[in-house]
Amino acid sequence: MPKLKTHRGAKKRFSFTGSGKIKRKKANASHILTKKSQKRKRNLRKSTIVVKEEVKRVKALLPYS
């Protein structure tokens, strides 16, 4: 069976924690920031965990992670 290719876009956007969960950055933090509150922008800087419904799709894009 041939090797599977890693999705290069997914590789740049997702990383795995030590326990095997998938980390991602939050959306809406790149532009139109003047109307967003400081508290909201501060929380957007933090990373978060991919929800369980999406884990299967992300793992398919990252076969060797």
PDB file of N, CA and C in Angstrom:
ATOM      1  N   MET A   1       0.842  -1.183   0.000  1.00  0.00           N
ATOM      2  CA  MET A   1       0.000   0.000   0.000  1.00  0.00           C
ATOM      3  C   MET A   1       0.890   1.251   0.000  1.00  0.00           C
ATOM      4  N   PRO A   2       0.596   2.251  -0.822  1.00  0.00           N
ATOM      5  CA  PRO A   2       1.458   3.431  -0.881  1.00  0.00           C
ATOM      6  C   PRO A   2       1.338   4.297   0.374  1.00  0.00           C
ATOM      7  N   LYS A   3       2.352   5.121   0.553  1.00  0.00           N
ATOM      8  CA  LYS A   3       2.332   6.052   1.679  1.00  0.00           C
ATOM      9  C   LYS A   3       1.239   7.097   1.461  1.00  0.00           C
ATOM     10  N   LEU A   4       0.688   7.594   2.562  1.00  0.00           N
ATOM     11  CA  LEU A   4      -0.306   8.671   2.496  1.00  0.00           C
ATOM     12  C   LEU A   4       0.408  10.008   2.630  1.00  0.00           C
ATOM     13  N   LYS A   5      -0.088  10.995   1.927  1.00  0.00           N
ATOM     14  CA  LYS A   5       0.512  12.320   2.028  1.00  0.00           C
ATOM     15  C   LYS A   5      -0.191  13.135   3.115  1.00  0.00           C
ATOM     16  N   THR A   6       0.607  13.855   3.875  1.00  0.00           N
ATOM     17  CA  THR A   6       0.086  14.774   4.878  1.00  0.00           C
ATOM     18  C   THR A   6      -0.472  16.006   4.182  1.00  0.00           C
ATOM     19  N   HIS A   7      -1.617  16.478   4.622  1.00  0.00           N
ATOM     20  CA  HIS A   7      -2.195  17.717   4.098  1.00  0.00           C
ATOM     21  C   HIS A   7      -1.375  18.877   4.647  1.00  0.00           C
ATOM     22  N   ARG A   8      -0.670  19.590   3.771  1.00  0.00           N
ATOM     23  CA  ARG A   8       0.283  20.596   4.222  1.00  0.00           C
ATOM     24  C   ARG A   8      -0.386  21.776   4.931  1.00  0.00           C
ATOM     25  N   GLY A   9      -1.590  22.133   4.498  1.00  0.00           N
ATOM     26  CA  GLY A   9      -2.304  23.216   5.170  1.00  0.00           C
ATOM     27  C   GLY A   9      -2.695  22.820   6.581  1.00  0.00           C
ATOM     28  N   ALA A  10      -3.129  21.567   6.741  1.00  0.00           N
ATOM     29  CA  ALA A  10      -3.520  21.082   8.073  1.00  0.00           C
ATOM     30  C   ALA A  10      -2.315  20.984   8.989  1.00  0.00           C
ATOM     31  N   LYS A  11      -1.171  20.597   8.433  1.00  0.00           N
ATOM     32  CA  LYS A  11       0.032  20.467   9.243  1.00  0.00           C
ATOM     33  C   LYS A  11       0.420  21.801   9.872  1.00  0.00           C
ATOM     34  N   LYS A  12       0.190  22.901   9.131  1.00  0.00           N
ATOM     35  CA  LYS A  12       0.526  24.233   9.632  1.00  0.00           C
ATOM     36  C   LYS A  12      -0.483  24.751  10.651  1.00  0.00           C
ATOM     37  N   ARG A  13      -1.701  24.221  10.640  1.00  0.00           N
ATOM     38  CA  ARG A  13      -2.766  24.760  11.483  1.00  0.00           C
ATOM     39  C   ARG A  13      -3.043  23.973  12.758  1.00  0.00           C
ATOM     40  N   PHE A  14      -2.678  22.699  12.787  1.00  0.00           N
ATOM     41  CA  PHE A  14      -2.998  21.848  13.934  1.00  0.00           C
ATOM     42  C   PHE A  14      -1.733  21.262  14.540  1.00  0.00           C
ATOM     43  N   SER A  15      -1.762  21.057  15.855  1.00  0.00           N
ATOM     44  CA  SER A  15      -0.678  20.347  16.533  1.00  0.00           C
ATOM     45  C   SER A  15      -1.290  19.469  17.609  1.00  0.00           C
ATOM     46  N   PHE A  16      -0.555  18.469  18.011  1.00  0.00           N
ATOM     47  CA  PHE A  16      -1.045  17.495  18.980  1.00  0.00           C
ATOM     48  C   PHE A  16      -0.478  17.782  20.365  1.00  0.00           C
ATOM     49  N   THR A  17      -1.303  17.595  21.380  1.00  0.00           N
ATOM     50  CA  THR A  17      -0.848  17.723  22.761  1.00  0.00           C
ATOM     51  C   THR A  17      -0.211  16.407  23.181  1.00  0.00           C
ATOM     52  N   GLY A  18       0.373  16.384  24.347  1.00  0.00           N
ATOM     53  CA  GLY A  18       0.994  15.159  24.844  1.00  0.00           C
ATOM     54  C   GLY A  18       0.004  14.039  25.068  1.00  0.00           C
ATOM     55  N   SER A  19      -1.241  14.388  25.380  1.00  0.00           N
ATOM     56  CA  SER A  19      -2.262  13.363  25.634  1.00  0.00           C
ATOM     57  C   SER A  19      -2.988  12.941  24.358  1.00  0.00           C
ATOM     58  N   GLY A  20      -2.607  13.526  23.201  1.00  0.00           N
ATOM     59  CA  GLY A  20      -3.194  13.109  21.931  1.00  0.00           C
ATOM     60  C   GLY A  20      -4.337  13.969  21.431  1.00  0.00           C
ATOM     61  N   LYS A  21      -4.698  15.001  22.179  1.00  0.00           N
ATOM     62  CA  LYS A  21      -5.737  15.921  21.695  1.00  0.00           C
ATOM     63  C   LYS A  21      -5.138  16.829  20.620  1.00  0.00           C
ATOM     64  N   ILE A  22      -6.013  17.452  19.824  1.00  0.00           N
ATOM     65  CA  ILE A  22      -5.552  18.300  18.738  1.00  0.00           C
ATOM     66  C   ILE A  22      -5.793  19.762  19.092  1.00  0.00           C
ATOM     67  N   LYS A  23      -4.726  20.566  19.015  1.00  0.00           N
ATOM     68  CA  LYS A  23      -4.803  21.996  19.311  1.00  0.00           C
ATOM     69  C   LYS A  23      -5.015  22.772  18.022  1.00  0.00           C
ATOM     70  N   ARG A  24      -5.733  23.896  18.139  1.00  0.00           N
ATOM     71  CA  ARG A  24      -5.929  24.783  17.002  1.00  0.00           C
ATOM     72  C   ARG A  24      -5.987  26.222  17.505  1.00  0.00           C
ATOM     73  N   LYS A  25      -5.769  27.163  16.573  1.00  0.00           N
ATOM     74  CA  LYS A  25      -5.909  28.577  16.905  1.00  0.00           C
ATOM     75  C   LYS A  25      -7.374  28.973  16.726  1.00  0.00           C
ATOM     76  N   LYS A  26      -7.771  30.053  17.373  1.00  0.00           N
ATOM     77  CA  LYS A  26      -9.152  30.535  17.248  1.00  0.00           C
ATOM     78  C   LYS A  26      -9.300  31.438  16.023  1.00  0.00           C
ATOM     79  N   ALA A  27     -10.491  31.463  15.466  1.00  0.00           N
ATOM     80  CA  ALA A  27     -10.781  32.287  14.301  1.00  0.00           C
ATOM     81  C   ALA A  27     -11.122  33.711  14.736  1.00  0.00           C
ATOM     82  N   ASN A  28     -11.233  34.615  13.767  1.00  0.00           N
ATOM     83  CA  ASN A  28     -11.660  36.012  13.952  1.00  0.00           C
ATOM     84  C   ASN A  28     -10.645  36.872  14.688  1.00  0.00           C
ATOM     85  N   ALA A  29      -9.361  36.560  14.593  1.00  0.00           N
ATOM     86  CA  ALA A  29      -8.353  37.337  15.313  1.00  0.00           C
ATOM     87  C   ALA A  29      -7.415  38.084  14.379  1.00  0.00           C
ATOM     88  N   SER A  30      -7.715  38.147  13.086  1.00  0.00           N
ATOM     89  CA  SER A  30      -6.730  38.701  12.154  1.00  0.00           C
ATOM     90  C   SER A  30      -7.045  40.112  11.662  1.00  0.00           C
ATOM     91  N   HIS A  31      -8.290  40.489  11.507  1.00  0.00           N
ATOM     92  CA  HIS A  31      -8.600  41.838  11.014  1.00  0.00           C
ATOM     93  C   HIS A  31      -9.961  42.276  11.541  1.00  0.00           C
ATOM     94  N   ILE A  32     -10.314  43.527  11.282  1.00  0.00           N
ATOM     95  CA  ILE A  32     -11.518  44.175  11.835  1.00  0.00           C
ATOM     96  C   ILE A  32     -11.503  44.042  13.371  1.00  0.00           C
ATOM     97  N   LEU A  33     -10.383  44.453  13.964  1.00  0.00           N
ATOM     98  CA  LEU A  33     -10.206  44.278  15.403  1.00  0.00           C
ATOM     99  C   LEU A  33     -10.684  45.475  16.219  1.00  0.00           C
ATOM    100  N   THR A  34     -10.958  46.603  15.565  1.00  0.00           N
ATOM    101  CA  THR A  34     -11.315  47.801  16.331  1.00  0.00           C
ATOM    102  C   THR A  34     -12.663  47.666  17.021  1.00  0.00           C
ATOM    103  N   LYS A  35     -13.582  46.941  16.432  1.00  0.00           N
ATOM    104  CA  LYS A  35     -14.910  46.800  17.046  1.00  0.00           C
ATOM    105  C   LYS A  35     -14.979  45.683  18.088  1.00  0.00           C
ATOM    106  N   LYS A  36     -13.921  44.904  18.213  1.00  0.00           N
ATOM    107  CA  LYS A  36     -13.904  43.812  19.194  1.00  0.00           C
ATOM    108  C   LYS A  36     -13.316  44.313  20.505  1.00  0.00           C
ATOM    109  N   SER A  37     -13.886  43.853  21.600  1.00  0.00           N
ATOM    110  CA  SER A  37     -13.428  44.314  22.906  1.00  0.00           C
ATOM    111  C   SER A  37     -12.050  43.731  23.217  1.00  0.00           C
ATOM    112  N   GLN A  38     -11.347  44.393  24.138  1.00  0.00           N
ATOM    113  CA  GLN A  38     -10.017  43.926  24.529  1.00  0.00           C
ATOM    114  C   GLN A  38     -10.088  42.526  25.126  1.00  0.00           C
ATOM    115  N   LYS A  39     -11.131  42.256  25.901  1.00  0.00           N
ATOM    116  CA  LYS A  39     -11.303  40.940  26.509  1.00  0.00           C
ATOM    117  C   LYS A  39     -11.479  39.862  25.439  1.00  0.00           C
ATOM    118  N   ARG A  40     -12.270  40.184  24.422  1.00  0.00           N
ATOM    119  CA  ARG A  40     -12.506  39.227  23.335  1.00  0.00           C
ATOM    120  C   ARG A  40     -11.215  38.963  22.555  1.00  0.00           C
ATOM    121  N   LYS A  41     -10.461  39.997  22.252  1.00  0.00           N
ATOM    122  CA  LYS A  41      -9.202  39.841  21.517  1.00  0.00           C
ATOM    123  C   LYS A  41      -8.179  39.059  22.337  1.00  0.00           C
ATOM    124  N   ARG A  42      -8.161  39.291  23.635  1.00  0.00           N
ATOM    125  CA  ARG A  42      -7.243  38.571  24.520  1.00  0.00           C
ATOM    126  C   ARG A  42      -7.558  37.084  24.522  1.00  0.00           C
ATOM    127  N   ASN A  43      -8.851  36.737  24.550  1.00  0.00           N
ATOM    128  CA  ASN A  43      -9.253  35.332  24.533  1.00  0.00           C
ATOM    129  C   ASN A  43      -9.001  34.679  23.179  1.00  0.00           C
ATOM    130  N   LEU A  44      -9.015  35.459  22.107  1.00  0.00           N
ATOM    131  CA  LEU A  44      -8.731  34.910  20.781  1.00  0.00           C
ATOM    132  C   LEU A  44      -7.260  34.544  20.614  1.00  0.00           C
ATOM    133  N   ARG A  45      -6.389  35.103  21.445  1.00  0.00           N
ATOM    134  CA  ARG A  45      -4.957  34.763  21.360  1.00  0.00           C
ATOM    135  C   ARG A  45      -4.665  33.354  21.845  1.00  0.00           C
ATOM    136  N   LYS A  46      -5.531  32.833  22.701  1.00  0.00           N
ATOM    137  CA  LYS A  46      -5.306  31.508  23.271  1.00  0.00           C
ATOM    138  C   LYS A  46      -5.655  30.422  22.266  1.00  0.00           C
ATOM    139  N   SER A  47      -4.952  29.296  22.363  1.00  0.00           N
ATOM    140  CA  SER A  47      -5.309  28.156  21.516  1.00  0.00           C
ATOM    141  C   SER A  47      -6.398  27.354  22.211  1.00  0.00           C
ATOM    142  N   THR A  48      -7.032  26.468  21.459  1.00  0.00           N
ATOM    143  CA  THR A  48      -8.114  25.665  22.015  1.00  0.00           C
ATOM    144  C   THR A  48      -8.036  24.256  21.435  1.00  0.00           C
ATOM    145  N   ILE A  49      -8.874  23.372  21.910  1.00  0.00           N
ATOM    146  CA  ILE A  49      -8.877  21.965  21.491  1.00  0.00           C
ATOM    147  C   ILE A  49      -9.961  21.764  20.431  1.00  0.00           C
ATOM    148  N   VAL A  50      -9.654  20.954  19.427  1.00  0.00           N
ATOM    149  CA  VAL A  50     -10.632  20.623  18.384  1.00  0.00           C
ATOM    150  C   VAL A  50     -11.748  19.782  19.016  1.00  0.00           C
ATOM    151  N   VAL A  51     -13.011  20.084  18.690  1.00  0.00           N
ATOM    152  CA  VAL A  51     -14.148  19.350  19.254  1.00  0.00           C
ATOM    153  C   VAL A  51     -14.166  17.914  18.742  1.00  0.00           C
ATOM    154  N   LYS A  52     -14.755  17.023  19.521  1.00  0.00           N
ATOM    155  CA  LYS A  52     -14.686  15.593  19.207  1.00  0.00           C
ATOM    156  C   LYS A  52     -15.327  15.236  17.878  1.00  0.00           C
ATOM    157  N   GLU A  53     -16.319  16.017  17.436  1.00  0.00           N
ATOM    158  CA  GLU A  53     -16.981  15.734  16.151  1.00  0.00           C
ATOM    159  C   GLU A  53     -16.049  15.967  14.964  1.00  0.00           C
ATOM    160  N   GLU A  54     -15.030  16.802  15.121  1.00  0.00           N
ATOM    161  CA  GLU A  54     -14.121  17.141  14.027  1.00  0.00           C
ATOM    162  C   GLU A  54     -12.800  16.387  14.070  1.00  0.00           C
ATOM    163  N   VAL A  55     -12.529  15.676  15.168  1.00  0.00           N
ATOM    164  CA  VAL A  55     -11.229  15.014  15.342  1.00  0.00           C
ATOM    165  C   VAL A  55     -10.956  14.011  14.235  1.00  0.00           C
ATOM    166  N   LYS A  56     -11.953  13.234  13.849  1.00  0.00           N
ATOM    167  CA  LYS A  56     -11.776  12.215  12.806  1.00  0.00           C
ATOM    168  C   LYS A  56     -11.348  12.850  11.487  1.00  0.00           C
ATOM    169  N   ARG A  57     -11.958  13.987  11.129  1.00  0.00           N
ATOM    170  CA  ARG A  57     -11.624  14.666   9.880  1.00  0.00           C
ATOM    171  C   ARG A  57     -10.207  15.215   9.897  1.00  0.00           C
ATOM    172  N   VAL A  58      -9.795  15.776  11.035  1.00  0.00           N
ATOM    173  CA  VAL A  58      -8.450  16.339  11.127  1.00  0.00           C
ATOM    174  C   VAL A  58      -7.407  15.230  11.099  1.00  0.00           C
ATOM    175  N   LYS A  59      -7.666  14.124  11.797  1.00  0.00           N
ATOM    176  CA  LYS A  59      -6.707  13.015  11.815  1.00  0.00           C
ATOM    177  C   LYS A  59      -6.539  12.381  10.440  1.00  0.00           C
ATOM    178  N   ALA A  60      -7.576  12.434   9.596  1.00  0.00           N
ATOM    179  CA  ALA A  60      -7.458  11.915   8.242  1.00  0.00           C
ATOM    180  C   ALA A  60      -6.490  12.762   7.413  1.00  0.00           C
ATOM    181  N   LEU A  61      -6.411  14.055   7.729  1.00  0.00           N
ATOM    182  CA  LEU A  61      -5.502  14.940   7.012  1.00  0.00           C
ATOM    183  C   LEU A  61      -4.062  14.810   7.509  1.00  0.00           C
ATOM    184  N   LEU A  62      -3.898  14.280   8.727  1.00  0.00           N
ATOM    185  CA  LEU A  62      -2.573  14.143   9.339  1.00  0.00           C
ATOM    186  C   LEU A  62      -2.305  12.681   9.690  1.00  0.00           C
ATOM    187  N   PRO A  63      -2.080  11.826   8.679  1.00  0.00           N
ATOM    188  CA  PRO A  63      -2.029  10.387   8.931  1.00  0.00           C
ATOM    189  C   PRO A  63      -0.862   9.915   9.803  1.00  0.00           C
ATOM    190  N   TYR A  64       0.244  10.647   9.865  1.00  0.00           N
ATOM    191  CA  TYR A  64       1.414  10.166  10.602  1.00  0.00           C
ATOM    192  C   TYR A  64       1.698  10.975  11.847  1.00  0.00           C
ATOM    193  N   SER A  65       0.696  11.653  12.376  1.00  0.00           N
ATOM    194  CA  SER A  65       0.901  12.469  13.576  1.00  0.00           C
ATOM    195  C   SER A  65       0.446  11.735  14.817  1.00  0.00           C
TER     196      SER A  65
END
